[in-house]
Amino acid sequence: MAPPKTPSDPRALKRKVSSQILELPGVSGIGVPKGRLTVYLDVDSEDVRDRVREVLKAVSPEADVVFMVTGKFSKQDPE
């Protein structure tokens, strides 16, 4: 069986996996600052990191991900 096609562009990878990753409890957001796939976490949790890696492994086994603990994101009211 051939390996799954994987996006080499981090932005394409983000588009492909963001809905799955954002559903995971403990994930605040996902982005591509400086061209690197970055997952923002509510709290530092190895369990959440492992779940994110599982999603990425299924789509792009060689994907590199950076984790940042930022707390929960919330919508800000415009001033």
Protein backbone atom coordinates (compact mmCIF):
# COMPACT_ATOMS: atom_id res chain seq x y z
CA MET A 1 0.00 0.00 0.00
CA ALA A 2 1.36 3.42 -0.95
CA PRO A 3 1.84 6.00 1.79
CA PRO A 4 -0.85 8.66 1.95
CA LYS A 5 -0.29 11.84 -0.03
CA THR A 6 0.84 14.54 2.33
CA PRO A 7 0.95 18.27 1.86
CA SER A 8 4.54 19.54 1.92
CA ASP A 9 3.32 23.09 2.50
CA PRO A 10 2.58 23.74 6.21
CA ARG A 11 -0.38 25.95 5.25
CA ALA A 12 -1.90 23.15 3.17
CA LEU A 13 -1.34 20.73 6.05
CA LYS A 14 -3.04 23.17 8.43
CA ARG A 15 -6.08 23.37 6.14
CA LYS A 16 -6.23 19.59 5.98
CA VAL A 17 -5.99 18.86 9.75
CA SER A 18 -7.23 21.99 11.53
CA SER A 19 -10.83 20.82 12.00
CA GLN A 20 -9.67 17.55 13.57
CA ILE A 21 -7.07 19.19 15.79
CA LEU A 22 -9.35 22.01 16.92
CA GLU A 23 -11.88 19.41 18.14
CA LEU A 24 -9.34 17.99 20.59
CA PRO A 25 -9.89 19.09 24.20
CA GLY A 26 -6.98 21.26 25.34
CA VAL A 27 -6.25 22.80 21.92
CA SER A 28 -6.75 26.58 21.67
CA GLY A 29 -5.80 27.09 18.06
CA ILE A 30 -3.59 26.20 15.13
CA GLY A 31 -1.46 28.41 12.92
CA VAL A 32 1.59 28.63 10.70
CA PRO A 33 3.76 31.45 12.06
CA LYS A 34 7.13 31.68 10.32
CA GLY A 35 6.12 28.77 8.08
CA ARG A 36 5.94 26.17 10.89
CA LEU A 37 2.79 24.32 11.86
CA THR A 38 2.05 25.46 15.41
CA VAL A 39 -0.60 24.12 17.77
CA TYR A 40 -1.63 26.36 20.65
CA LEU A 41 -2.56 24.60 23.90
CA ASP A 42 -4.76 25.64 26.85
CA VAL A 43 -2.37 23.95 29.28
CA ASP A 44 0.85 21.99 28.90
CA SER A 45 -0.31 18.39 28.50
CA GLU A 46 1.66 15.48 27.05
CA ASP A 47 -1.65 13.69 26.43
CA VAL A 48 -2.90 16.53 24.21
CA ARG A 49 0.44 16.67 22.40
CA ASP A 50 0.25 12.92 21.74
CA ARG A 51 -3.30 13.23 20.36
CA VAL A 52 -2.22 16.03 18.02
CA ARG A 53 0.73 13.90 16.84
CA GLU A 54 -1.65 10.98 16.17
CA VAL A 55 -3.82 13.16 13.92
CA LEU A 56 -0.74 14.44 12.07
CA LYS A 57 0.78 10.97 11.76
CA ALA A 58 -2.35 9.71 9.97
CA VAL A 59 -2.17 12.56 7.44
CA SER A 60 1.51 13.43 7.21
CA PRO A 61 3.85 11.09 9.14
CA GLU A 62 6.88 13.33 8.61
CA ALA A 63 5.10 16.53 9.66
CA ASP A 64 6.93 18.74 12.11
CA VAL A 65 4.81 20.50 14.74
CA VAL A 66 5.59 23.15 17.34
CA PHE A 67 3.52 23.43 20.51
CA MET A 68 2.93 26.69 22.38
CA VAL A 69 1.08 26.93 25.68
CA THR A 70 -1.02 30.08 25.40
CA GLY A 71 -4.07 29.38 27.54
CA LYS A 72 -7.57 29.46 26.15
CA PHE A 73 -8.22 31.87 23.28
CA SER A 74 -11.30 34.02 23.54
CA LYS A 75 -12.97 36.43 21.17
CA GLN A 76 -12.19 40.06 21.95
CA ASP A 77 -14.77 42.80 21.58
CA PRO A 78 -13.78 45.49 19.08
CA GLU A 79 -13.13 48.83 20.72
